[in-house]
C-alpha atoms as a PDB file:
ATOM      1  CA  MET A   1      45.332-111.790   9.586  1.00  0.00           C
ATOM      2  CA  LYS A   2      43.762-108.352  10.622  1.00  0.00           C
ATOM      3  CA  LYS A   3      45.452-106.610   7.834  1.00  0.00           C
ATOM      4  CA  ILE A   4      44.238-108.744   5.039  1.00  0.00           C
ATOM      5  CA  TYR A   5      40.276-108.532   6.195  1.00  0.00           C
ATOM      6  CA  LEU A   6      41.128-104.758   5.957  1.00  0.00           C
ATOM      7  CA  ILE A   7      42.578-104.948   2.551  1.00  0.00           C
ATOM      8  CA  ILE A   8      39.550-107.207   1.645  1.00  0.00           C
ATOM      9  CA  ILE A   9      36.907-104.464   2.985  1.00  0.00           C
ATOM     10  CA  VAL A  10      38.741-101.579   1.524  1.00  0.00           C
ATOM     11  CA  GLY A  11      38.675-103.461  -1.671  1.00  0.00           C
ATOM     12  CA  ILE A  12      35.116-104.035  -1.463  1.00  0.00           C
ATOM     13  CA  ILE A  13      34.345-100.503  -0.622  1.00  0.00           C
ATOM     14  CA  LEU A  14      36.070 -99.397  -3.412  1.00  0.00           C
ATOM     15  CA  LEU A  15      34.560-101.867  -5.851  1.00  0.00           C
ATOM     16  CA  CYS A  16      31.093-100.776  -4.759  1.00  0.00           C
ATOM     17  CA  SER A  17      31.952 -97.153  -5.120  1.00  0.00           C
ATOM     18  CA  SER A  18      32.912 -97.855  -8.845  1.00  0.00           C
ATOM     19  CA  LEU A  19      29.882 -99.752  -9.613  1.00  0.00           C
ATOM     20  CA  VAL A  20      27.834 -96.900  -8.404  1.00  0.00           C
ATOM     21  CA  ILE A  21      30.039 -94.300 -10.630  1.00  0.00           C
ATOM     22  CA  PHE A  22      29.824 -96.629 -13.228  1.00  0.00           C
ATOM     23  CA  ASN A  23      25.969 -96.988 -12.926  1.00  0.00           C
ATOM     24  CA  LYS A  24      25.617 -93.231 -12.703  1.00  0.00           C
ATOM     25  CA  GLU A  25      27.467 -92.787 -15.937  1.00  0.00           C
ATOM     26  CA  ASN A  26      25.436 -95.497 -17.710  1.00  0.00           C
ATOM     27  CA  LYS A  27      22.086 -93.824 -16.367  1.00  0.00           C
ATOM     28  CA  LYS A  28      23.147 -90.246 -17.626  1.00  0.00           C
ATOM     29  CA  GLU A  29      23.940 -91.973 -21.229  1.00  0.00           C
ATOM     30  CA  ASP A  30      20.629 -93.349 -21.026  1.00  0.00           C
ATOM     31  CA  TYR A  31      18.794 -90.058 -20.805  1.00  0.00           C
ATOM     32  CA  THR A  32      16.930 -88.691 -23.800  1.00  0.00           C
ATOM     33  CA  THR A  33      17.542 -85.086 -24.307  1.00  0.00           C
ATOM     34  CA  LEU A  34      14.970 -82.932 -25.744  1.00  0.00           C
ATOM     35  CA  LYS A  35      15.254 -79.146 -26.911  1.00  0.00           C
ATOM     36  CA  VAL A  36      12.274 -77.137 -25.611  1.00  0.00           C
ATOM     37  CA  GLY A  37      11.624 -73.567 -26.581  1.00  0.00           C
ATOM     38  CA  GLU A  38       9.439 -71.608 -23.924  1.00  0.00           C
ATOM     39  CA  VAL A  39       7.836 -68.427 -24.982  1.00  0.00           C
ATOM     40  CA  THR A  40       8.638 -66.628 -21.754  1.00  0.00           C
ATOM     41  CA  HIS A  41      10.048 -67.374 -18.239  1.00  0.00           C
ATOM     42  CA  SER A  42       7.161 -66.880 -15.818  1.00  0.00           C
ATOM     43  CA  ALA A  43       6.056 -68.104 -12.511  1.00  0.00           C
ATOM     44  CA  PHE A  44       2.495 -68.352 -14.455  1.00  0.00           C
ATOM     45  CA  TYR A  45       4.424 -72.009 -15.828  1.00  0.00           C
ATOM     46  CA  ALA A  46       4.887 -73.046 -12.310  1.00  0.00           C
ATOM     47  CA  PRO A  47       3.794 -76.625 -12.938  1.00  0.00           C
ATOM     48  CA  PHE A  48       6.458 -76.916 -15.422  1.00  0.00           C
ATOM     49  CA  TYR A  49       9.270 -75.547 -13.472  1.00  0.00           C
ATOM     50  CA  VAL A  50       8.018 -77.931 -10.418  1.00  0.00           C
ATOM     51  CA  ALA A  51       8.433 -80.896 -12.809  1.00  0.00           C
ATOM     52  CA  ILE A  52      11.793 -79.761 -13.522  1.00  0.00           C
ATOM     53  CA  GLU A  53      13.021 -78.965 -10.050  1.00  0.00           C
ATOM     54  CA  LYS A  54      11.391 -82.021  -8.640  1.00  0.00           C
ATOM     55  CA  GLY A  55      13.184 -84.565 -11.057  1.00  0.00           C
ATOM     56  CA  TYR A  56      10.156 -85.614 -12.792  1.00  0.00           C
ATOM     57  CA  PHE A  57      11.458 -85.629 -16.209  1.00  0.00           C
ATOM     58  CA  GLU A  58      14.730 -87.360 -15.139  1.00  0.00           C
ATOM     59  CA  GLU A  59      12.310 -89.985 -13.577  1.00  0.00           C
ATOM     60  CA  GLU A  60      10.875 -90.577 -17.037  1.00  0.00           C
ATOM     61  CA  GLY A  61      14.648 -90.750 -18.703  1.00  0.00           C
ATOM     62  CA  LEU A  62      14.457 -87.241 -20.228  1.00  0.00           C
ATOM     63  CA  LYS A  63      16.754 -84.349 -20.026  1.00  0.00           C
ATOM     64  CA  LEU A  64      15.405 -80.847 -21.122  1.00  0.00           C
ATOM     65  CA  ASP A  65      17.607 -78.314 -22.914  1.00  0.00           C
ATOM     66  CA  ILE A  66      15.487 -75.341 -22.753  1.00  0.00           C
ATOM     67  CA  SER A  67      15.923 -71.941 -24.682  1.00  0.00           C
ATOM     68  CA  LEU A  68      13.785 -68.848 -24.595  1.00  0.00           C
ATOM     69  CA  ILE A  69      12.120 -67.990 -27.516  1.00  0.00           C
ATOM     70  CA  SER A  70      10.091 -64.635 -27.329  1.00  0.00           C
ATOM     71  CA  GLY A  71       6.905 -64.692 -29.384  1.00  0.00           C
ATOM     72  CA  ALA A  72       4.623 -67.695 -30.104  1.00  0.00           C
ATOM     73  CA  ASN A  73       5.247 -67.315 -33.762  1.00  0.00           C
ATOM     74  CA  ASN A  74       8.864 -67.361 -33.356  1.00  0.00           C
ATOM     75  CA  VAL A  75       8.394 -70.607 -31.116  1.00  0.00           C
ATOM     76  CA  THR A  76       6.519 -72.435 -33.923  1.00  0.00           C
ATOM     77  CA  ALA A  77       8.985 -71.319 -36.413  1.00  0.00           C
ATOM     78  CA  ALA A  78      11.674 -72.831 -34.450  1.00  0.00           C
ATOM     79  CA  VAL A  79       9.580 -76.253 -34.105  1.00  0.00           C
ATOM     80  CA  LEU A  80       9.240 -76.187 -37.759  1.00  0.00           C
ATOM     81  CA  SER A  81      12.615 -75.564 -38.575  1.00  0.00           C
ATOM     82  CA  LYS A  82      13.641 -78.269 -36.291  1.00  0.00           C
ATOM     83  CA  ASP A  83      15.655 -75.888 -33.940  1.00  0.00           C
ATOM     84  CA  ILE A  84      13.592 -77.465 -31.127  1.00  0.00           C
ATOM     85  CA  ASP A  85      11.827 -80.652 -30.846  1.00  0.00           C
ATOM     86  CA  ILE A  86       8.822 -79.151 -28.491  1.00  0.00           C
ATOM     87  CA  GLY A  87       7.539 -75.900 -28.406  1.00  0.00           C
ATOM     88  CA  PHE A  88       5.647 -74.209 -25.511  1.00  0.00           C
ATOM     89  CA  CYS A  89       3.514 -71.275 -26.244  1.00  0.00           C
ATOM     90  CA  GLY A  90      -0.231 -70.417 -27.290  1.00  0.00           C
ATOM     91  CA  PRO A  91      -1.945 -72.761 -29.193  1.00  0.00           C
ATOM     92  CA  GLU A  92      -3.343 -69.872 -31.514  1.00  0.00           C
ATOM     93  CA  ALA A  93       0.377 -70.279 -33.358  1.00  0.00           C
ATOM     94  CA  THR A  94      -0.480 -73.628 -34.209  1.00  0.00           C
ATOM     95  CA  ILE A  95      -3.776 -72.712 -35.841  1.00  0.00           C
ATOM     96  CA  TYR A  96      -1.829 -70.132 -37.742  1.00  0.00           C
ATOM     97  CA  VAL A  97       0.542 -72.754 -38.980  1.00  0.00           C
ATOM     98  CA  TYR A  98      -2.319 -75.198 -39.951  1.00  0.00           C
ATOM     99  CA  ASN A  99      -4.110 -72.786 -41.877  1.00  0.00           C
ATOM    100  CA  GLY A 100      -0.943 -71.669 -43.662  1.00  0.00           C
ATOM    101  CA  GLY A 101      -0.813 -75.070 -45.391  1.00  0.00           C
ATOM    102  CA  GLU A 102       2.030 -76.663 -43.993  1.00  0.00           C
ATOM    103  CA  ASN A 103       1.803 -80.376 -44.544  1.00  0.00           C
ATOM    104  CA  ASP A 104       3.857 -81.410 -41.263  1.00  0.00           C
ATOM    105  CA  TYR A 105       1.986 -79.136 -39.069  1.00  0.00           C
ATOM    106  CA  ILE A 106       2.172 -78.702 -35.148  1.00  0.00           C
ATOM    107  CA  ARG A 107      -0.200 -80.274 -32.966  1.00  0.00           C
ATOM    108  CA  SER A 108      -0.556 -79.949 -29.156  1.00  0.00           C
ATOM    109  CA  PHE A 109      -0.071 -82.746 -27.128  1.00  0.00           C
ATOM    110  CA  ALA A 110      -0.268 -81.421 -23.303  1.00  0.00           C
ATOM    111  CA  GLY A 111      -1.759 -78.438 -21.834  1.00  0.00           C
ATOM    112  CA  LEU A 112      -0.457 -76.441 -18.863  1.00  0.00           C
ATOM    113  CA  THR A 113      -2.518 -73.269 -18.381  1.00  0.00           C
ATOM    114  CA  LYS A 114      -6.217 -72.658 -18.726  1.00  0.00           C
ATOM    115  CA  ARG A 115      -6.369 -68.722 -18.727  1.00  0.00           C
ATOM    116  CA  ASP A 116      -4.420 -65.457 -19.390  1.00  0.00           C
ATOM    117  CA  GLY A 117      -1.645 -64.979 -17.011  1.00  0.00           C
ATOM    118  CA  GLN A 118      -1.160 -61.250 -17.725  1.00  0.00           C
ATOM    119  CA  PHE A 119      -2.007 -58.485 -15.271  1.00  0.00           C
ATOM    120  CA  LEU A 120      -2.972 -55.266 -16.006  1.00  0.00           C
ATOM    121  CA  VAL A 121      -0.682 -52.539 -14.859  1.00  0.00           C
ATOM    122  CA  SER A 122      -1.394 -48.664 -14.646  1.00  0.00           C
ATOM    123  CA  ARG A 123       1.240 -46.235 -14.517  1.00  0.00           C
ATOM    124  CA  LYS A 124      -0.807 -44.203 -11.949  1.00  0.00           C
ATOM    125  CA  LYS A 125      -2.412 -45.336  -8.741  1.00  0.00           C
ATOM    126  CA  ILE A 126      -5.936 -46.216  -9.079  1.00  0.00           C
ATOM    127  CA  ASN A 127      -8.016 -46.921  -5.870  1.00  0.00           C
ATOM    128  CA  ASP A 128     -11.210 -49.297  -6.851  1.00  0.00           C
ATOM    129  CA  PHE A 129     -10.011 -49.690 -10.412  1.00  0.00           C
ATOM    130  CA  ASN A 130     -13.055 -49.955 -13.100  1.00  0.00           C
ATOM    131  CA  TRP A 131     -12.420 -51.456 -16.498  1.00  0.00           C
ATOM    132  CA  ASN A 132     -14.033 -48.293 -17.656  1.00  0.00           C
ATOM    133  CA  SER A 133     -10.870 -46.439 -16.603  1.00  0.00           C
ATOM    134  CA  LEU A 134      -9.443 -47.913 -19.676  1.00  0.00           C
ATOM    135  CA  LYS A 135     -11.682 -45.590 -22.094  1.00  0.00           C
ATOM    136  CA  GLY A 136      -9.235 -43.069 -23.774  1.00  0.00           C
ATOM    137  CA  LYS A 137      -6.304 -44.575 -22.431  1.00  0.00           C
ATOM    138  CA  GLU A 138      -3.345 -46.287 -24.397  1.00  0.00           C
ATOM    139  CA  VAL A 139      -2.636 -49.965 -23.532  1.00  0.00           C
ATOM    140  CA  LEU A 140       0.333 -51.953 -24.221  1.00  0.00           C
ATOM    141  CA  ALA A 141      -1.068 -55.059 -25.302  1.00  0.00           C
ATOM    142  CA  GLY A 142       1.814 -56.949 -27.279  1.00  0.00           C
ATOM    143  CA  ARG A 143       1.695 -58.596 -30.755  1.00  0.00           C
ATOM    144  CA  ILE A 144      -1.233 -58.217 -32.707  1.00  0.00           C
ATOM    145  CA  ALA A 145      -3.172 -61.577 -32.799  1.00  0.00           C
ATOM    146  CA  GLY A 146      -1.072 -63.444 -30.061  1.00  0.00           C
ATOM    147  CA  MET A 147      -2.785 -64.782 -27.109  1.00  0.00           C
ATOM    148  CA  PRO A 148      -1.994 -61.935 -24.624  1.00  0.00           C
ATOM    149  CA  GLU A 149      -3.327 -59.225 -27.132  1.00  0.00           C
ATOM    150  CA  LEU A 150      -6.600 -61.527 -27.953  1.00  0.00           C
ATOM    151  CA  ASN A 151      -7.102 -62.401 -24.360  1.00  0.00           C
ATOM    152  CA  PHE A 152      -7.082 -58.490 -23.200  1.00  0.00           C
ATOM    153  CA  GLU A 153      -9.596 -57.860 -26.123  1.00  0.00           C
ATOM    154  CA  ASN A 154     -11.949 -60.615 -24.981  1.00  0.00           C
ATOM    155  CA  ALA A 155     -11.689 -59.294 -21.262  1.00  0.00           C
ATOM    156  CA  LEU A 156     -12.835 -55.948 -22.738  1.00  0.00           C
ATOM    157  CA  LYS A 157     -15.573 -57.655 -24.593  1.00  0.00           C
ATOM    158  CA  ASN A 158     -16.772 -59.461 -21.450  1.00  0.00           C
ATOM    159  CA  GLU A 159     -16.657 -56.074 -19.523  1.00  0.00           C
ATOM    160  CA  LYS A 160     -18.974 -54.518 -22.204  1.00  0.00           C
ATOM    161  CA  ILE A 161     -15.979 -52.177 -23.274  1.00  0.00           C
ATOM    162  CA  SER A 162     -15.673 -51.484 -27.154  1.00  0.00           C
ATOM    163  CA  LYS A 163     -12.014 -52.008 -28.134  1.00  0.00           C
ATOM    164  CA  THR A 164     -12.482 -48.837 -30.152  1.00  0.00           C
ATOM    165  CA  ASP A 165     -12.698 -47.010 -27.055  1.00  0.00           C
ATOM    166  CA  VAL A 166      -9.238 -47.842 -25.818  1.00  0.00           C
ATOM    167  CA  LYS A 167      -6.063 -47.153 -27.745  1.00  0.00           C
ATOM    168  CA  ILE A 168      -4.510 -50.716 -27.925  1.00  0.00           C
ATOM    169  CA  ASN A 169      -1.088 -50.344 -28.809  1.00  0.00           C
ATOM    170  CA  THR A 170       0.230 -53.719 -30.565  1.00  0.00           C
ATOM    171  CA  SER A 171       3.442 -52.073 -32.215  1.00  0.00           C
ATOM    172  CA  VAL A 172       5.648 -53.212 -29.259  1.00  0.00           C
ATOM    173  CA  ASP A 173       6.901 -56.761 -29.136  1.00  0.00           C
ATOM    174  CA  PHE A 174       6.320 -59.127 -26.292  1.00  0.00           C
ATOM    175  CA  ALA A 175       9.957 -59.048 -25.044  1.00  0.00           C
ATOM    176  CA  SER A 176       9.897 -55.085 -24.952  1.00  0.00           C
ATOM    177  CA  LEU A 177       6.769 -54.199 -23.182  1.00  0.00           C
ATOM    178  CA  THR A 178       8.499 -53.573 -19.858  1.00  0.00           C
ATOM    179  CA  SER A 179      10.948 -51.188 -21.127  1.00  0.00           C
ATOM    180  CA  ALA A 180       8.809 -49.500 -23.469  1.00  0.00           C
ATOM    181  CA  PHE A 181       6.488 -48.948 -20.360  1.00  0.00           C
ATOM    182  CA  ILE A 182       9.327 -47.752 -18.101  1.00  0.00           C
ATOM    183  CA  SER A 183      10.222 -45.162 -20.999  1.00  0.00           C
ATOM    184  CA  GLY A 184       7.168 -43.599 -20.869  1.00  0.00           C
ATOM    185  CA  THR A 185       4.851 -45.137 -23.681  1.00  0.00           C
ATOM    186  CA  GLY A 186       1.414 -46.027 -22.630  1.00  0.00           C
ATOM    187  CA  ASP A 187      -1.002 -45.361 -19.608  1.00  0.00           C
ATOM    188  CA  PHE A 188      -1.325 -49.292 -18.948  1.00  0.00           C
ATOM    189  CA  VAL A 189       0.552 -52.280 -19.916  1.00  0.00           C
ATOM    190  CA  ASN A 190      -0.237 -56.053 -19.757  1.00  0.00           C
ATOM    191  CA  LEU A 191       2.549 -58.204 -18.171  1.00  0.00           C
ATOM    192  CA  PHE A 192       3.191 -61.548 -17.038  1.00  0.00           C
ATOM    193  CA  GLU A 193       4.652 -62.411 -13.615  1.00  0.00           C
ATOM    194  CA  PRO A 194       7.445 -61.587 -12.316  1.00  0.00           C
ATOM    195  CA  ASN A 195       7.662 -58.715 -14.563  1.00  0.00           C
ATOM    196  CA  ALA A 196       4.643 -56.966 -13.162  1.00  0.00           C
ATOM    197  CA  THR A 197       5.577 -57.432  -9.643  1.00  0.00           C
ATOM    198  CA  LYS A 198       9.233 -55.969 -10.531  1.00  0.00           C
ATOM    199  CA  LEU A 199       7.905 -52.886 -12.248  1.00  0.00           C
ATOM    200  CA  GLU A 200       5.703 -52.267  -9.132  1.00  0.00           C
ATOM    201  CA  ASN A 201       8.199 -52.878  -6.555  1.00  0.00           C
ATOM    202  CA  GLU A 202      10.741 -50.373  -8.531  1.00  0.00           C
ATOM    203  CA  GLY A 203       7.723 -47.620  -8.305  1.00  0.00           C
ATOM    204  CA  PHE A 204       7.041 -47.632 -12.160  1.00  0.00           C
ATOM    205  CA  GLY A 205       3.362 -48.759 -11.582  1.00  0.00           C
ATOM    206  CA  TYR A 206       0.480 -50.769 -10.008  1.00  0.00           C
ATOM    207  CA  ILE A 207      -1.330 -53.862 -10.638  1.00  0.00           C
ATOM    208  CA  VAL A 208      -4.736 -53.325 -11.058  1.00  0.00           C
ATOM    209  CA  ALA A 209      -6.323 -56.513 -12.499  1.00  0.00           C
ATOM    210  CA  ASN A 210      -6.118 -59.870 -13.549  1.00  0.00           C
ATOM    211  CA  ILE A 211      -6.966 -60.162 -17.399  1.00  0.00           C
ATOM    212  CA  GLY A 212      -7.229 -64.183 -16.971  1.00  0.00           C
ATOM    213  CA  GLU A 213     -10.200 -63.685 -14.464  1.00  0.00           C
ATOM    214  CA  LYS A 214     -12.018 -61.762 -17.374  1.00  0.00           C
ATOM    215  CA  SER A 215     -11.290 -63.336 -20.361  1.00  0.00           C
ATOM    216  CA  GLY A 216     -12.406 -66.845 -19.404  1.00  0.00           C
ATOM    217  CA  GLU A 217     -10.871 -70.570 -19.768  1.00  0.00           C
ATOM    218  CA  MET A 218      -9.066 -71.615 -22.693  1.00  0.00           C
ATOM    219  CA  PRO A 219      -5.636 -73.654 -23.438  1.00  0.00           C
ATOM    220  CA  TYR A 220      -3.872 -70.665 -23.075  1.00  0.00           C
ATOM    221  CA  THR A 221      -0.249 -72.312 -23.030  1.00  0.00           C
ATOM    222  CA  ALA A 222       0.685 -75.932 -24.203  1.00  0.00           C
ATOM    223  CA  PHE A 223       3.490 -78.191 -25.241  1.00  0.00           C
ATOM    224  CA  ASN A 224       3.543 -78.838 -29.192  1.00  0.00           C
ATOM    225  CA  ALA A 225       5.792 -80.634 -31.724  1.00  0.00           C
ATOM    226  CA  ARG A 226       5.404 -81.324 -35.454  1.00  0.00           C
ATOM    227  CA  LYS A 227       3.020 -84.224 -36.192  1.00  0.00           C
ATOM    228  CA  SER A 228       5.834 -86.495 -37.607  1.00  0.00           C
ATOM    229  CA  PHE A 229       7.788 -85.908 -34.505  1.00  0.00           C
ATOM    230  CA  ILE A 230       4.971 -86.924 -32.487  1.00  0.00           C
ATOM    231  CA  ASN A 231       4.114 -90.023 -34.425  1.00  0.00           C
ATOM    232  CA  LYS A 232       8.029 -91.152 -34.456  1.00  0.00           C
ATOM    233  CA  ASN A 233       8.383 -90.576 -30.460  1.00  0.00           C
ATOM    234  CA  THR A 234       4.940 -91.526 -29.016  1.00  0.00           C
ATOM    235  CA  GLU A 235       6.668 -93.113 -25.933  1.00  0.00           C
ATOM    236  CA  ILE A 236       8.739 -90.160 -25.490  1.00  0.00           C
ATOM    237  CA  ILE A 237       5.671 -87.732 -25.792  1.00  0.00           C
ATOM    238  CA  LYS A 238       3.888 -89.827 -23.028  1.00  0.00           C
ATOM    239  CA  LYS A 239       7.088 -89.721 -20.827  1.00  0.00           C
ATOM    240  CA  PHE A 240       7.020 -86.012 -21.216  1.00  0.00           C
ATOM    241  CA  THR A 241       3.335 -85.842 -20.556  1.00  0.00           C
ATOM    242  CA  LYS A 242       3.690 -87.681 -17.618  1.00  0.00           C
ATOM    243  CA  ALA A 243       5.976 -85.428 -16.081  1.00  0.00           C
ATOM    244  CA  ILE A 244       4.099 -82.463 -16.693  1.00  0.00           C
ATOM    245  CA  ASN A 245       0.999 -84.307 -15.082  1.00  0.00           C
ATOM    246  CA  LYS A 246       3.322 -84.821 -11.813  1.00  0.00           C
ATOM    247  CA  GLY A 247       3.789 -81.158 -12.112  1.00  0.00           C
ATOM    248  CA  LEU A 248       0.339 -80.143 -12.236  1.00  0.00           C
ATOM    249  CA  THR A 249      -0.697 -82.276  -9.765  1.00  0.00           C
ATOM    250  CA  PHE A 250       1.961 -81.173  -7.052  1.00  0.00           C
ATOM    251  CA  THR A 251       0.608 -77.334  -7.621  1.00  0.00           C
ATOM    252  CA  LYS A 252      -3.151 -78.303  -6.981  1.00  0.00           C
ATOM    253  CA  GLU A 253      -2.235 -80.303  -3.941  1.00  0.00           C
ATOM    254  CA  LYS A 254       0.719 -77.829  -2.145  1.00  0.00           C
ATOM    255  CA  ASP A 255       0.250 -74.510  -0.859  1.00  0.00           C
ATOM    256  CA  SER A 256       1.815 -71.311  -2.747  1.00  0.00           C
ATOM    257  CA  LYS A 257       4.779 -71.115  -0.065  1.00  0.00           C
ATOM    258  CA  GLU A 258       5.924 -74.740  -0.761  1.00  0.00           C
ATOM    259  CA  ILE A 259       5.237 -74.335  -4.627  1.00  0.00           C
ATOM    260  CA  ALA A 260       7.484 -71.021  -4.284  1.00  0.00           C
ATOM    261  CA  LYS A 261      10.125 -72.787  -2.408  1.00  0.00           C
ATOM    262  CA  VAL A 262      10.366 -75.761  -5.230  1.00  0.00           C
ATOM    263  CA  ILE A 263      10.772 -73.178  -8.103  1.00  0.00           C
ATOM    264  CA  SER A 264      13.032 -70.514  -6.595  1.00  0.00           C
ATOM    265  CA  PRO A 265      16.093 -71.827  -8.205  1.00  0.00           C
ATOM    266  CA  GLN A 266      14.252 -70.828 -11.587  1.00  0.00           C
ATOM    267  CA  PHE A 267      13.797 -67.217 -10.189  1.00  0.00           C
ATOM    268  CA  GLN A 268      17.002 -66.281  -8.294  1.00  0.00           C
ATOM    269  CA  ASP A 269      16.519 -62.579  -8.687  1.00  0.00           C
ATOM    270  CA  ILE A 270      13.328 -62.626  -7.115  1.00  0.00           C
ATOM    271  CA  SER A 271      12.952 -62.763  -3.411  1.00  0.00           C
ATOM    272  CA  LEU A 272      11.015 -65.771  -1.967  1.00  0.00           C
ATOM    273  CA  ASN A 273       8.325 -63.484  -0.216  1.00  0.00           C
ATOM    274  CA  ASP A 274       7.508 -62.011  -3.759  1.00  0.00           C
ATOM    275  CA  LEU A 275       7.683 -65.270  -5.524  1.00  0.00           C
ATOM    276  CA  GLU A 276       5.200 -66.620  -2.940  1.00  0.00           C
ATOM    277  CA  LYS A 277       2.820 -63.710  -3.559  1.00  0.00           C
ATOM    278  CA  ILE A 278       3.217 -64.210  -7.471  1.00  0.00           C
ATOM    279  CA  VAL A 279       2.345 -67.964  -7.316  1.00  0.00           C
ATOM    280  CA  LYS A 280      -0.413 -67.128  -4.897  1.00  0.00           C
ATOM    281  CA  ARG A 281      -1.941 -64.798  -7.248  1.00  0.00           C
ATOM    282  CA  TYR A 282      -1.909 -67.469 -10.205  1.00  0.00           C
ATOM    283  CA  LYS A 283      -3.125 -70.236  -7.812  1.00  0.00           C
ATOM    284  CA  ASP A 284      -6.153 -67.999  -6.693  1.00  0.00           C
ATOM    285  CA  ALA A 285      -7.074 -67.370 -10.060  1.00  0.00           C
ATOM    286  CA  ASP A 286      -7.178 -70.997 -10.824  1.00  0.00           C
ATOM    287  CA  SER A 287      -4.740 -70.525 -13.791  1.00  0.00           C
ATOM    288  CA  TRP A 288      -3.200 -74.065 -14.215  1.00  0.00           C
ATOM    289  CA  LEU A 289      -5.132 -77.246 -15.778  1.00  0.00           C
ATOM    290  CA  ASP A 290      -5.962 -80.228 -13.284  1.00  0.00           C
ATOM    291  CA  ASN A 291      -4.096 -82.376 -15.937  1.00  0.00           C
ATOM    292  CA  PRO A 292      -2.426 -82.238 -19.538  1.00  0.00           C
ATOM    293  CA  TYR A 293      -5.597 -83.026 -21.230  1.00  0.00           C
ATOM    294  CA  ILE A 294      -6.828 -80.449 -23.627  1.00  0.00           C
ATOM    295  CA  GLU A 295     -10.651 -80.278 -23.661  1.00  0.00           C
ATOM    296  CA  LYS A 296     -12.276 -79.727 -27.030  1.00  0.00           C
ATOM    297  CA  GLU A 297     -14.480 -77.116 -25.326  1.00  0.00           C
ATOM    298  CA  LEU A 298     -11.627 -75.180 -24.111  1.00  0.00           C
ATOM    299  CA  PHE A 299     -10.007 -75.384 -27.799  1.00  0.00           C
ATOM    300  CA  GLU A 300     -13.058 -73.971 -29.104  1.00  0.00           C
ATOM    301  CA  ASN A 301     -13.351 -71.074 -26.616  1.00  0.00           C
ATOM    302  CA  LEU A 302      -9.940 -70.213 -28.070  1.00  0.00           C
ATOM    303  CA  GLU A 303     -11.346 -70.257 -31.618  1.00  0.00           C
ATOM    304  CA  ASP A 304     -14.160 -68.243 -30.606  1.00  0.00           C
ATOM    305  CA  ILE A 305     -11.982 -65.563 -29.646  1.00  0.00           C
ATOM    306  CA  MET A 306     -10.003 -65.934 -32.846  1.00  0.00           C
ATOM    307  CA  ILE A 307     -13.172 -65.772 -34.928  1.00  0.00           C
ATOM    308  CA  ASP A 308     -14.390 -63.086 -33.130  1.00  0.00           C
ATOM    309  CA  SER A 309     -11.342 -60.968 -33.720  1.00  0.00           C
ATOM    310  CA  LYS A 310     -11.485 -61.818 -37.344  1.00  0.00           C
ATOM    311  CA  GLN A 311      -8.068 -63.734 -37.203  1.00  0.00           C
ATOM    312  CA  ILE A 312      -9.301 -66.899 -38.705  1.00  0.00           C
ATOM    313  CA  LYS A 313     -12.783 -67.437 -40.405  1.00  0.00           C
ATOM    314  CA  GLU A 314     -13.945 -70.765 -39.115  1.00  0.00           C
ATOM    315  CA  TYR A 315     -13.289 -73.453 -36.441  1.00  0.00           C
ATOM    316  CA  VAL A 316     -10.182 -75.629 -37.315  1.00  0.00           C
ATOM    317  CA  PRO A 317     -10.525 -79.295 -36.517  1.00  0.00           C
ATOM    318  CA  TYR A 318      -9.749 -80.047 -32.924  1.00  0.00           C
ATOM    319  CA  ASN A 319      -8.718 -83.758 -33.731  1.00  0.00           C
ATOM    320  CA  ASP A 320      -6.339 -82.321 -36.291  1.00  0.00           C
ATOM    321  CA  LEU A 321      -4.683 -79.752 -34.058  1.00  0.00           C
ATOM    322  CA  VAL A 322      -4.747 -81.417 -30.594  1.00  0.00           C
ATOM    323  CA  ASP A 323      -3.288 -85.053 -29.802  1.00  0.00           C
ATOM    324  CA  ASN A 324      -3.722 -85.661 -26.300  1.00  0.00           C
ATOM    325  CA  ALA A 325      -0.936 -87.773 -24.859  1.00  0.00           C
ATOM    326  CA  TYR A 326      -2.690 -88.010 -21.403  1.00  0.00           C
ATOM    327  CA  LYS A 327      -5.601 -90.053 -21.375  1.00  0.00           C
ATOM    328  CA  LYS A 328      -8.630 -89.869 -18.960  1.00  0.00           C
END
């Protein structure tokens, strides 16, 4: 009799295990996979990586296939060619696409950062750095008309320094800035983290300023997609944005140490101590939006910079290029 009971119990356990495995397999099949292209991999985007590591996308039934595509122009090109579904880059690129006459143009549906995430790195150690120290010096600023270069020029303007007083080098592409500086090009270079800290740790330079604090607020980095893709996948876009909002809320409520621990799998070549310092720099600089909603005022701040630098002649309609999936 005991043997019969034992056989029944074992059978029930095996049946339950099979059901769990079956449900898990079915659940995996229920996920919608989205191809996402990110312009760079930086702790500047901590809320995005929090959403990934905390499983917020899975909670919404989404799986992300992420690829690194250097340069916002290349990200938008990949979106237009349908190589990726969602681009993650500066909204300035979507303005260029719109002005280029593209019919199925690109719209930003969720914001993440609200100011520049670059740090100005000096080749020589400077005590009590002053922005006037840049006069007559060569600065590697990235691709001309890209968000990093535009914000650097705007920071100079806000510090009442003419860009003609600084040798702004825009000949080095974004991905090659660190290597070009190490090889001896430029007196200063503008870098995102973790590259700035790595360069400093290796003795090649010194972080002297946060460009975002001087340039001001704008939708610096946002998630975007083709107009047709957003229209056909409204619920998926809403779910994606919901996951991003959870990531933003987490980074707003938690301290730098806890954020660093969560996103550490994304930066395995950086010590947890350094990662915490980097996250703290961005958190102290108020780098992230409170929620994914892209305000019209912030979008027009970006356009002001683009008009001032003569990259565009006039404002592009906010309602055409911004389709906020997060509703206030």
